[in-house]
Every structure is written in structure tokens, then in C-alpha cells.
C-alpha atoms as a PDB file:
ATOM      1  CA  MET A   1      29.676  12.597  -1.138  1.00  0.00           C
ATOM      2  CA  ALA A   2      26.849  11.699   1.214  1.00  0.00           C
ATOM      3  CA  VAL A   3      23.254  11.370   0.107  1.00  0.00           C
ATOM      4  CA  ARG A   4      20.997  13.873   1.885  1.00  0.00           C
ATOM      5  CA  LEU A   5      18.432  12.113   4.038  1.00  0.00           C
ATOM      6  CA  TYR A   6      15.127  13.690   5.007  1.00  0.00           C
ATOM      7  CA  ILE A   7      12.451  12.791   7.537  1.00  0.00           C
ATOM      8  CA  TYR A   8       8.865  13.918   7.221  1.00  0.00           C
ATOM      9  CA  ASP A   9       7.725  13.407  10.823  1.00  0.00           C
ATOM     10  CA  GLU A  10       4.045  13.306  11.767  1.00  0.00           C
ATOM     11  CA  LYS A  11       5.135  12.937  15.423  1.00  0.00           C
ATOM     12  CA  GLN A  12       2.935   9.897  16.000  1.00  0.00           C
ATOM     13  CA  CYS A  13       5.437   7.666  17.769  1.00  0.00           C
ATOM     14  CA  ASP A  14       7.176   7.637  21.130  1.00  0.00           C
ATOM     15  CA  PRO A  15       9.840  10.385  20.881  1.00  0.00           C
ATOM     16  CA  LYS A  16      12.308   8.218  22.827  1.00  0.00           C
ATOM     17  CA  LYS A  17      11.982   5.366  20.305  1.00  0.00           C
ATOM     18  CA  CYS A  18      11.607   7.433  17.113  1.00  0.00           C
ATOM     19  CA  THR A  19      14.459   6.524  14.800  1.00  0.00           C
ATOM     20  CA  GLY A  20      13.777   9.441  12.484  1.00  0.00           C
ATOM     21  CA  ARG A  21      14.134  11.977  15.274  1.00  0.00           C
ATOM     22  CA  LYS A  22      17.348  10.304  16.398  1.00  0.00           C
ATOM     23  CA  LEU A  23      18.817  10.663  12.906  1.00  0.00           C
ATOM     24  CA  VAL A  24      17.859  14.350  12.957  1.00  0.00           C
ATOM     25  CA  ARG A  25      19.434  14.811  16.420  1.00  0.00           C
ATOM     26  CA  PHE A  26      22.715  13.352  15.170  1.00  0.00           C
ATOM     27  CA  ASN A  27      22.599  15.455  11.971  1.00  0.00           C
ATOM     28  CA  LEU A  28      22.308  12.358   9.805  1.00  0.00           C
ATOM     29  CA  ALA A  29      18.963  13.546   8.416  1.00  0.00           C
ATOM     30  CA  GLN A  30      17.073  16.799   8.059  1.00  0.00           C
ATOM     31  CA  GLU A  31      13.478  17.148   9.223  1.00  0.00           C
ATOM     32  CA  ILE A  32      10.845  18.310   6.751  1.00  0.00           C
ATOM     33  CA  SER A  33       7.863  20.046   8.356  1.00  0.00           C
ATOM     34  CA  SER A  34       5.425  19.722   5.446  1.00  0.00           C
ATOM     35  CA  LEU A  35       4.928  17.453   2.441  1.00  0.00           C
ATOM     36  CA  ARG A  36       5.200  20.599   0.294  1.00  0.00           C
ATOM     37  CA  ARG A  37       8.779  21.045   1.528  1.00  0.00           C
ATOM     38  CA  ILE A  38       9.987  17.738   0.098  1.00  0.00           C
ATOM     39  CA  PRO A  39      12.786  18.634  -2.326  1.00  0.00           C
ATOM     40  CA  HIS A  40      11.718  18.494  -5.972  1.00  0.00           C
ATOM     41  CA  GLY A  41      13.012  15.322  -7.587  1.00  0.00           C
ATOM     42  CA  ALA A  42      13.773  13.552  -4.290  1.00  0.00           C
ATOM     43  CA  ILE A  43      13.123   9.857  -3.793  1.00  0.00           C
ATOM     44  CA  VAL A  44      10.221   9.367  -1.386  1.00  0.00           C
ATOM     45  CA  LEU A  45       9.849   5.941   0.200  1.00  0.00           C
ATOM     46  CA  THR A  46       6.199   4.865   0.147  1.00  0.00           C
ATOM     47  CA  PRO A  47       4.635   1.409   0.475  1.00  0.00           C
ATOM     48  CA  TRP A  48       2.409   1.904  -2.587  1.00  0.00           C
ATOM     49  CA  ALA A  49       5.037   3.061  -5.101  1.00  0.00           C
ATOM     50  CA  GLU A  50       4.961   1.268  -8.431  1.00  0.00           C
ATOM     51  CA  LYS A  51       8.754   0.939  -8.590  1.00  0.00           C
ATOM     52  CA  ALA A  52      11.167  -0.591  -6.114  1.00  0.00           C
ATOM     53  CA  VAL A  53      14.284   1.278  -5.097  1.00  0.00           C
ATOM     54  CA  SER A  54      17.348   0.154  -7.080  1.00  0.00           C
ATOM     55  CA  ARG A  55      20.788   1.201  -8.297  1.00  0.00           C
ATOM     56  CA  GLU A  56      19.149   3.120 -11.134  1.00  0.00           C
ATOM     57  CA  ASP A  57      18.006   5.608  -8.444  1.00  0.00           C
ATOM     58  CA  ALA A  58      21.532   6.314  -7.153  1.00  0.00           C
ATOM     59  CA  ALA A  59      22.188   9.431  -9.257  1.00  0.00           C
ATOM     60  CA  ARG A  60      18.818  10.935  -8.323  1.00  0.00           C
ATOM     61  CA  ALA A  61      19.406  10.146  -4.646  1.00  0.00           C
ATOM     62  CA  ALA A  62      22.862  11.721  -4.743  1.00  0.00           C
ATOM     63  CA  ALA A  63      21.463  14.861  -6.390  1.00  0.00           C
ATOM     64  CA  ARG A  64      18.106  15.245  -4.623  1.00  0.00           C
ATOM     65  CA  GLY A  65      18.095  13.048  -1.507  1.00  0.00           C
ATOM     66  CA  ILE A  66      15.871  10.358  -0.001  1.00  0.00           C
ATOM     67  CA  VAL A  67      12.795  11.036   2.138  1.00  0.00           C
ATOM     68  CA  ALA A  68      11.326   8.709   4.764  1.00  0.00           C
ATOM     69  CA  LEU A  69       7.747   9.293   5.869  1.00  0.00           C
ATOM     70  CA  ASP A  70       7.764   8.841   9.643  1.00  0.00           C
ATOM     71  CA  LEU A  71       4.259   8.042  10.811  1.00  0.00           C
ATOM     72  CA  SER A  72       2.296   5.195  12.286  1.00  0.00           C
ATOM     73  CA  TRP A  73       1.462   2.353   9.902  1.00  0.00           C
ATOM     74  CA  LYS A  74      -2.109   2.743  11.175  1.00  0.00           C
ATOM     75  CA  ASN A  75      -2.227   6.217   9.596  1.00  0.00           C
ATOM     76  CA  ILE A  76      -0.445   5.521   6.319  1.00  0.00           C
ATOM     77  CA  ASP A  77      -3.700   5.986   4.397  1.00  0.00           C
ATOM     78  CA  THR A  78      -3.833   9.663   5.430  1.00  0.00           C
ATOM     79  CA  LEU A  79      -0.992  10.432   3.017  1.00  0.00           C
ATOM     80  CA  PRO A  80      -1.688  11.288  -0.612  1.00  0.00           C
ATOM     81  CA  ARG A  81      -1.320   8.300  -2.958  1.00  0.00           C
ATOM     82  CA  LYS A  82       0.518  10.369  -5.552  1.00  0.00           C
ATOM     83  CA  MET A  83       3.032  13.095  -4.827  1.00  0.00           C
ATOM     84  CA  LYS A  84       3.994  15.544  -7.547  1.00  0.00           C
ATOM     85  CA  GLY A  85       7.574  16.275  -8.485  1.00  0.00           C
ATOM     86  CA  VAL A  86       9.135  13.353  -6.633  1.00  0.00           C
ATOM     87  CA  ALA A  87      10.141   9.774  -7.421  1.00  0.00           C
ATOM     88  CA  GLU A  88       8.129   7.429  -5.234  1.00  0.00           C
ATOM     89  CA  ARG A  89       9.844   4.140  -4.485  1.00  0.00           C
ATOM     90  CA  SER A  90       9.041   1.149  -2.317  1.00  0.00           C
ATOM     91  CA  LEU A  91      11.427  -1.155  -0.563  1.00  0.00           C
ATOM     92  CA  PRO A  92      11.625  -4.806  -1.565  1.00  0.00           C
ATOM     93  CA  PHE A  93      10.988  -7.520   0.992  1.00  0.00           C
ATOM     94  CA  LEU A  94      13.113  -7.083   4.111  1.00  0.00           C
ATOM     95  CA  VAL A  95      12.512  -7.961   7.750  1.00  0.00           C
ATOM     96  CA  ALA A  96      12.693  -5.488  10.597  1.00  0.00           C
ATOM     97  CA  ALA A  97      15.650  -5.598  12.961  1.00  0.00           C
ATOM     98  CA  ASN A  98      14.392  -2.981  15.422  1.00  0.00           C
ATOM     99  CA  PRO A  99      13.438  -4.197  18.915  1.00  0.00           C
ATOM    100  CA  VAL A 100       9.730  -3.362  18.486  1.00  0.00           C
ATOM    101  CA  ASN A 101       9.143  -5.244  15.214  1.00  0.00           C
ATOM    102  CA  TRP A 102      12.122  -7.609  15.067  1.00  0.00           C
ATOM    103  CA  GLY A 103      11.675 -10.291  12.407  1.00  0.00           C
ATOM    104  CA  ARG A 104       8.420  -8.882  11.051  1.00  0.00           C
ATOM    105  CA  PRO A 105       8.360  -8.526   7.281  1.00  0.00           C
ATOM    106  CA  CYS A 106       8.158  -4.987   5.927  1.00  0.00           C
ATOM    107  CA  LYS A 107       7.819  -3.262   9.352  1.00  0.00           C
ATOM    108  CA  LEU A 108      11.014  -1.257   9.152  1.00  0.00           C
ATOM    109  CA  THR A 109      11.610   1.952  11.057  1.00  0.00           C
ATOM    110  CA  SER A 110      12.385   5.139   9.151  1.00  0.00           C
ATOM    111  CA  ALA A 111      16.095   4.711   9.874  1.00  0.00           C
ATOM    112  CA  GLU A 112      16.013   1.102   8.628  1.00  0.00           C
ATOM    113  CA  ALA A 113      14.160   2.149   5.471  1.00  0.00           C
ATOM    114  CA  LEU A 114      16.674   4.894   4.696  1.00  0.00           C
ATOM    115  CA  ALA A 115      19.653   2.637   5.429  1.00  0.00           C
ATOM    116  CA  ALA A 116      18.234  -0.205   3.312  1.00  0.00           C
ATOM    117  CA  SER A 117      17.632   2.219   0.430  1.00  0.00           C
ATOM    118  CA  LEU A 118      21.175   3.523   0.673  1.00  0.00           C
ATOM    119  CA  TYR A 119      22.555  -0.022   0.740  1.00  0.00           C
ATOM    120  CA  ILE A 120      20.527  -1.139  -2.276  1.00  0.00           C
ATOM    121  CA  MET A 121      21.616   1.936  -4.261  1.00  0.00           C
ATOM    122  CA  GLY A 122      25.273   1.195  -3.502  1.00  0.00           C
ATOM    123  CA  PHE A 123      25.895   3.699  -0.688  1.00  0.00           C
ATOM    124  CA  LYS A 124      26.806   0.906   1.723  1.00  0.00           C
ATOM    125  CA  GLU A 125      29.176   2.908   3.936  1.00  0.00           C
ATOM    126  CA  GLN A 126      26.543   5.601   4.508  1.00  0.00           C
ATOM    127  CA  ALA A 127      23.952   2.886   5.193  1.00  0.00           C
ATOM    128  CA  HIS A 128      26.112   1.490   8.005  1.00  0.00           C
ATOM    129  CA  LYS A 129      26.814   4.996   9.335  1.00  0.00           C
ATOM    130  CA  THR A 130      23.058   5.707   9.387  1.00  0.00           C
ATOM    131  CA  MET A 131      22.435   2.648  11.560  1.00  0.00           C
ATOM    132  CA  SER A 132      25.504   3.175  13.762  1.00  0.00           C
ATOM    133  CA  LYS A 133      23.564   5.337  16.244  1.00  0.00           C
ATOM    134  CA  PHE A 134      21.359   2.398  17.249  1.00  0.00           C
ATOM    135  CA  THR A 135      22.592  -0.410  19.497  1.00  0.00           C
ATOM    136  CA  TRP A 136      20.670  -2.834  17.281  1.00  0.00           C
ATOM    137  CA  GLY A 137      21.649  -1.067  14.014  1.00  0.00           C
ATOM    138  CA  GLU A 138      23.973  -3.696  12.551  1.00  0.00           C
ATOM    139  CA  GLU A 139      21.251  -6.298  13.084  1.00  0.00           C
ATOM    140  CA  LEU A 140      19.477  -4.856  10.015  1.00  0.00           C
ATOM    141  CA  PHE A 141      22.394  -5.901   7.828  1.00  0.00           C
ATOM    142  CA  ARG A 142      22.826  -9.247   9.598  1.00  0.00           C
ATOM    143  CA  VAL A 143      19.229 -10.469   9.332  1.00  0.00           C
ATOM    144  CA  ASN A 144      18.835  -9.168   5.755  1.00  0.00           C
ATOM    145  CA  ARG A 145      22.364  -9.978   4.550  1.00  0.00           C
ATOM    146  CA  GLU A 146      21.406 -12.197   1.618  1.00  0.00           C
ATOM    147  CA  PRO A 147      18.507 -10.177   0.167  1.00  0.00           C
ATOM    148  CA  LEU A 148      20.304  -6.841   0.640  1.00  0.00           C
ATOM    149  CA  GLU A 149      23.339  -8.126  -1.258  1.00  0.00           C
ATOM    150  CA  LEU A 150      21.180  -9.512  -4.051  1.00  0.00           C
ATOM    151  CA  TYR A 151      19.132  -6.303  -4.323  1.00  0.00           C
ATOM    152  CA  SER A 152      22.285  -4.165  -4.333  1.00  0.00           C
ATOM    153  CA  GLU A 153      23.627  -6.109  -7.312  1.00  0.00           C
ATOM    154  CA  ALA A 154      20.491  -5.449  -9.378  1.00  0.00           C
ATOM    155  CA  GLN A 155      20.636  -2.512 -11.770  1.00  0.00           C
ATOM    156  CA  THR A 156      16.906  -1.808 -12.211  1.00  0.00           C
ATOM    157  CA  SER A 157      13.675  -1.851 -10.265  1.00  0.00           C
ATOM    158  CA  ALA A 158      12.425  -4.750 -12.405  1.00  0.00           C
ATOM    159  CA  GLU A 159      15.517  -6.788 -11.462  1.00  0.00           C
ATOM    160  CA  VAL A 160      14.986  -6.010  -7.760  1.00  0.00           C
ATOM    161  CA  VAL A 161      11.376  -7.187  -7.992  1.00  0.00           C
ATOM    162  CA  ALA A 162      12.451 -10.374  -9.807  1.00  0.00           C
ATOM    163  CA  ILE A 163      15.081 -11.076  -7.123  1.00  0.00           C
ATOM    164  CA  GLN A 164      12.473 -10.434  -4.415  1.00  0.00           C
ATOM    165  CA  SER A 165      10.066 -12.905  -6.032  1.00  0.00           C
ATOM    166  CA  GLU A 166      12.763 -15.550  -6.368  1.00  0.00           C
ATOM    167  CA  TYR A 167      14.003 -14.945  -2.813  1.00  0.00           C
ATOM    168  CA  LEU A 168      10.506 -15.291  -1.354  1.00  0.00           C
ATOM    169  CA  VAL A 169       9.877 -18.536  -3.259  1.00  0.00           C
ATOM    170  CA  ASP A 170      13.237 -19.945  -2.104  1.00  0.00           C
ATOM    171  CA  GLU A 171      12.607 -18.973   1.542  1.00  0.00           C
ATOM    172  CA  LYS A 172       9.067 -20.371   1.801  1.00  0.00           C
ATOM    173  CA  PRO A 173       9.933 -24.113   1.979  1.00  0.00           C
ATOM    174  CA  GLN A 174      12.548 -23.501   4.686  1.00  0.00           C
ATOM    175  CA  GLU A 175      10.013 -21.657   6.836  1.00  0.00           C
ATOM    176  CA  GLU A 176       7.441 -24.446   6.422  1.00  0.00           C
ATOM    177  CA  GLU A 177       9.998 -27.121   7.370  1.00  0.00           C
ATOM    178  CA  GLN A 178      10.713 -25.338  10.641  1.00  0.00           C
ATOM    179  CA  GLY A 179       7.031 -25.451  11.601  1.00  0.00           C
ATOM    180  CA  PRO A 180       5.235 -23.090  13.955  1.00  0.00           C
ATOM    181  CA  ARG A 181       7.128 -21.420  16.738  1.00  0.00           C
END
């Protein structure tokens, strides 16, 4: 059974590069025209959520779906900080694999965010299928291989956050040794 994916699209990006619209075109996600139309109980990915997405969200995702908010990072503050009737979740540390933000921490496209959420919750096959429509899609799983695997093994949000903290501490010395680029 596939998890239903939803895109709330503010239409603020280049339509040719919009990953959310591409998922809708290929029937991998359904567009939501208003925040009020977000399915009750769905998981909504937001950067300010108090809990990180984890395996404990898998049953809710399977029953209610996952929603990506597709809008410019510059306008993220226009969204309400609390949404009623949904489970807000944030993604743990991952780097973008899309051509526009490649290698930048936490600058994932909507498609990357949905695929990463699916992967972390244990829906790995659907995560790969979600990214299959992008020539660079598998790069998400390549550049984030280690953290995605670790996050997907965690059972709770608290465990995901602990793994993220440990991963970031472990990665820091390696980055410093490489020096500026």
C-alpha cells in the first residue's frame, strides 16, 4: 500500500523546475489548493515542528498521508506556525541533492522532503519511486546514505534527533580537516 503524498503549492517557483508539480503531473502526489484542505490527521512537513519524522509516524502516514509545503524559503514565515488537526514534523539534517541547492544542508525540494520522510518511516521503495522521475533523484539517497539509514533504524523522534546530533558531531572534524573549498 502506498502512502498518499500531497503538495500544497503556493506557485512561487519556476514551474519547469518545481518538483512538487512534477510529482503531481506523474500522479505521485495530489495537489492541495488550500491549507484548509489538508487531510485531518496528515503529517505536514514544516521546518519549525517540535518533532522529527520517524518510524513512529508510519501508521499515521499510511492512513492519512504526508504533505509537503511547496513555497519559497523566503516566504516560509507567511505560513501559520501551528496547524490544527495535523501532525507537524520536521526533517532531520540532510543535504540537498537537487541541482539548484546541491550539497546545501536542509535546502531540500518538496520531492526530496517527501522521499526522505518516506525513507525514514520505512517506505523505502516508495521513496525511490518518488525520486525516479528526476534525473538527479538517486543522488538524494547517495549523498545522504549514512544518515538516512541511521534515521530509518530509529523508532522514535527522540532517537532520530539523538542520531542527528551524534552524526553532526562526527561529521564536523572531517569537514574542518578538508579546509575551505
